């Protein structure tokens, strides 16, 4: 988990905190609903 993305240029991603990291792949996920309480006790 990272800060909010400011720019994506090729495989370099610049974050709102000013840090730049290189990634091979980026996975965006939406619609996540946690079910952890049903299986974690």
N, C-alpha and C. Protein backbone atom coordinates (compact mmCIF):
# COMPACT_ATOMS: atom_id res chain seq x y z
N UNK A 1 0.86 -1.17 0.00
CA UNK A 1 0.00 0.00 0.00
C UNK A 1 0.90 1.23 0.00
N UNK A 2 0.60 2.16 -0.84
CA UNK A 2 1.41 3.37 -1.02
C UNK A 2 0.52 4.61 -0.90
N UNK A 3 1.18 5.77 -0.91
CA UNK A 3 0.45 7.04 -0.94
C UNK A 3 -0.27 7.18 -2.28
N UNK A 4 -1.08 8.20 -2.41
CA UNK A 4 -1.82 8.45 -3.65
C UNK A 4 -0.85 8.67 -4.81
N UNK A 5 -1.22 8.19 -5.98
CA UNK A 5 -0.40 8.32 -7.18
C UNK A 5 -0.58 9.71 -7.78
N UNK A 6 0.54 10.35 -8.09
CA UNK A 6 0.53 11.66 -8.73
C UNK A 6 0.67 11.52 -10.25
N UNK A 7 1.65 10.71 -10.71
CA UNK A 7 1.90 10.51 -12.14
C UNK A 7 2.37 9.09 -12.39
N UNK A 8 2.03 8.55 -13.56
CA UNK A 8 2.60 7.29 -14.04
C UNK A 8 3.24 7.59 -15.38
N UNK A 9 4.55 7.31 -15.47
CA UNK A 9 5.29 7.52 -16.72
C UNK A 9 6.05 6.24 -17.02
N UNK A 10 5.55 5.49 -18.00
CA UNK A 10 6.18 4.20 -18.30
C UNK A 10 6.02 3.27 -17.12
N UNK A 11 7.14 2.76 -16.58
CA UNK A 11 7.08 1.89 -15.41
C UNK A 11 7.46 2.62 -14.13
N UNK A 12 7.59 3.96 -14.20
CA UNK A 12 7.88 4.76 -13.02
C UNK A 12 6.61 5.41 -12.50
N UNK A 13 6.42 5.32 -11.20
CA UNK A 13 5.24 5.89 -10.56
C UNK A 13 5.70 6.92 -9.54
N UNK A 14 5.20 8.15 -9.66
CA UNK A 14 5.49 9.19 -8.69
C UNK A 14 4.29 9.33 -7.77
N UNK A 15 4.56 9.34 -6.46
CA UNK A 15 3.51 9.43 -5.46
C UNK A 15 3.39 10.85 -4.94
N UNK A 16 2.28 11.16 -4.29
CA UNK A 16 2.02 12.49 -3.75
C UNK A 16 3.08 12.94 -2.75
N UNK A 17 3.76 11.99 -2.10
CA UNK A 17 4.80 12.36 -1.13
C UNK A 17 6.13 12.65 -1.81
N UNK A 18 6.17 12.62 -3.17
CA UNK A 18 7.37 12.94 -3.92
C UNK A 18 8.27 11.77 -4.25
N UNK A 19 8.02 10.61 -3.68
CA UNK A 19 8.84 9.43 -3.94
C UNK A 19 8.47 8.83 -5.30
N UNK A 20 9.48 8.29 -5.99
CA UNK A 20 9.29 7.65 -7.29
C UNK A 20 9.78 6.22 -7.19
N UNK A 21 8.97 5.27 -7.63
CA UNK A 21 9.33 3.86 -7.61
C UNK A 21 9.05 3.25 -8.98
N UNK A 22 9.82 2.23 -9.32
CA UNK A 22 9.63 1.51 -10.57
C UNK A 22 8.89 0.21 -10.29
N UNK A 23 7.89 -0.11 -11.12
CA UNK A 23 7.08 -1.31 -10.93
C UNK A 23 7.01 -2.10 -12.23
N UNK A 24 6.96 -3.41 -12.11
CA UNK A 24 6.73 -4.29 -13.26
C UNK A 24 5.25 -4.37 -13.60
N UNK A 25 4.40 -4.26 -12.58
CA UNK A 25 2.96 -4.35 -12.77
C UNK A 25 2.26 -3.51 -11.71
N UNK A 26 1.10 -2.99 -12.06
CA UNK A 26 0.27 -2.23 -11.13
C UNK A 26 -1.11 -2.88 -11.12
N UNK A 27 -1.61 -3.18 -9.94
CA UNK A 27 -2.93 -3.79 -9.80
C UNK A 27 -3.84 -2.78 -9.11
N UNK A 28 -4.88 -2.36 -9.80
CA UNK A 28 -5.88 -1.49 -9.22
C UNK A 28 -7.07 -2.36 -8.83
N UNK A 29 -7.57 -2.18 -7.62
CA UNK A 29 -8.70 -2.99 -7.15
C UNK A 29 -9.79 -2.07 -6.60
N UNK A 30 -11.01 -2.36 -6.97
CA UNK A 30 -12.16 -1.63 -6.45
C UNK A 30 -13.24 -2.62 -6.05
N UNK A 31 -14.18 -2.17 -5.28
CA UNK A 31 -15.30 -3.02 -4.89
C UNK A 31 -14.94 -4.05 -3.84
N UNK A 32 -13.87 -3.82 -3.11
CA UNK A 32 -13.42 -4.77 -2.10
C UNK A 32 -14.33 -4.72 -0.88
N UNK A 33 -14.76 -5.87 -0.42
CA UNK A 33 -15.54 -5.97 0.81
C UNK A 33 -14.85 -6.98 1.71
N UNK A 34 -14.44 -6.55 2.87
CA UNK A 34 -13.71 -7.42 3.79
C UNK A 34 -14.64 -8.46 4.41
N UNK A 35 -14.19 -9.71 4.40
CA UNK A 35 -14.91 -10.79 5.07
C UNK A 35 -14.05 -11.39 6.18
N UNK A 36 -13.01 -10.66 6.57
CA UNK A 36 -12.06 -11.19 7.54
C UNK A 36 -12.74 -11.58 8.86
N UNK A 37 -13.75 -10.87 9.29
CA UNK A 37 -14.41 -11.18 10.57
C UNK A 37 -15.13 -12.52 10.54
N UNK A 38 -15.47 -13.00 9.36
CA UNK A 38 -16.17 -14.28 9.27
C UNK A 38 -15.24 -15.47 9.39
N UNK A 39 -13.94 -15.31 9.09
CA UNK A 39 -13.02 -16.45 9.17
C UNK A 39 -11.89 -16.25 10.17
N UNK A 40 -11.68 -15.03 10.68
CA UNK A 40 -10.62 -14.78 11.66
C UNK A 40 -11.23 -14.69 13.05
N UNK A 41 -10.76 -15.57 13.94
CA UNK A 41 -11.30 -15.55 15.30
C UNK A 41 -10.19 -15.52 16.31
